[in-house]
């Protein structure tokens, strides 16, 4: 099924909703899916992420395999 057909099916489903709570839940889901997590985090969290990305760009990161080996005993 292509995306246009999926949209039509979704509209049909929405039109057939009888329960106001279900409709409100759907509306909330759509609103939440439009929000960007980046806008919800603090300035210090953004700075830390940007610093980490800059370090990765410089080749200063630790490969995933090494991290997993080191912390395997806690997983």
Protein backbone atom coordinates (compact mmCIF):
# COMPACT_ATOMS: atom_id res chain seq x y z
CA UNK A 1 0.00 0.00 0.00
CA UNK A 2 1.46 3.37 -0.98
CA UNK A 3 1.47 6.39 1.29
CA UNK A 4 -1.52 8.05 -0.38
CA UNK A 5 -3.63 4.93 0.14
CA UNK A 6 -2.47 4.78 3.76
CA UNK A 7 -3.53 8.40 4.28
CA UNK A 8 -6.97 7.69 2.85
CA UNK A 9 -7.36 4.68 5.14
CA UNK A 10 -6.27 6.80 8.10
CA UNK A 11 -8.82 9.50 7.27
CA UNK A 12 -11.53 6.84 7.04
CA UNK A 13 -10.52 5.48 10.43
CA UNK A 14 -10.56 8.96 11.97
CA UNK A 15 -13.99 9.71 10.53
CA UNK A 16 -15.33 6.52 12.11
CA UNK A 17 -14.03 7.24 15.62
CA UNK A 18 -16.97 7.41 18.01
CA UNK A 19 -15.10 7.66 21.31
CA UNK A 20 -13.92 11.18 22.16
CA UNK A 21 -11.09 9.79 24.33
CA UNK A 22 -9.73 7.80 21.41
CA UNK A 23 -9.85 10.91 19.24
CA UNK A 24 -8.09 12.99 21.92
CA UNK A 25 -5.40 10.31 22.26
CA UNK A 26 -4.85 10.38 18.51
CA UNK A 27 -4.58 14.18 18.55
CA UNK A 28 -2.00 14.01 21.36
CA UNK A 29 -0.02 11.39 19.45
CA UNK A 30 0.13 13.61 16.38
CA UNK A 31 1.18 16.63 18.47
CA UNK A 32 3.92 14.70 20.26
CA UNK A 33 5.27 13.26 17.03
CA UNK A 34 5.76 16.80 15.71
CA UNK A 35 7.83 17.87 18.70
CA UNK A 36 11.59 17.77 18.41
CA UNK A 37 13.44 16.30 21.41
CA UNK A 38 16.25 18.80 20.81
CA UNK A 39 13.91 21.62 21.81
CA UNK A 40 13.02 19.85 25.05
CA UNK A 41 16.51 19.31 26.44
CA UNK A 42 18.44 21.82 28.53
CA UNK A 43 21.17 24.10 27.23
CA UNK A 44 23.79 22.10 29.14
CA UNK A 45 22.59 18.88 27.50
CA UNK A 46 22.79 20.49 24.06
CA UNK A 47 26.33 21.71 24.78
CA UNK A 48 27.39 18.23 25.96
CA UNK A 49 25.98 16.62 22.81
CA UNK A 50 27.67 19.19 20.57
CA UNK A 51 30.98 18.65 22.38
CA UNK A 52 30.65 14.90 21.95
CA UNK A 53 29.94 15.25 18.24
CA UNK A 54 32.93 17.57 17.84
CA UNK A 55 35.13 14.98 19.57
CA UNK A 56 33.84 12.28 17.24
CA UNK A 57 34.63 14.48 14.25
CA UNK A 58 38.21 14.69 15.53
CA UNK A 59 38.43 10.91 15.85
CA UNK A 60 38.41 10.97 19.65
CA UNK A 61 35.51 8.56 20.10
CA UNK A 62 35.63 5.06 21.54
CA UNK A 63 34.40 2.29 19.21
CA UNK A 64 31.15 0.63 20.25
CA UNK A 65 32.81 -2.80 20.55
CA UNK A 66 35.30 -1.47 23.09
CA UNK A 67 32.59 0.15 25.18
CA UNK A 68 30.48 -3.00 25.12
CA UNK A 69 33.47 -5.14 26.15
CA UNK A 70 34.24 -2.81 29.05
CA UNK A 71 30.67 -2.65 30.38
CA UNK A 72 29.54 -6.18 29.48
CA UNK A 73 29.55 -7.28 33.12
CA UNK A 74 26.83 -4.72 33.94
CA UNK A 75 24.54 -5.52 31.01
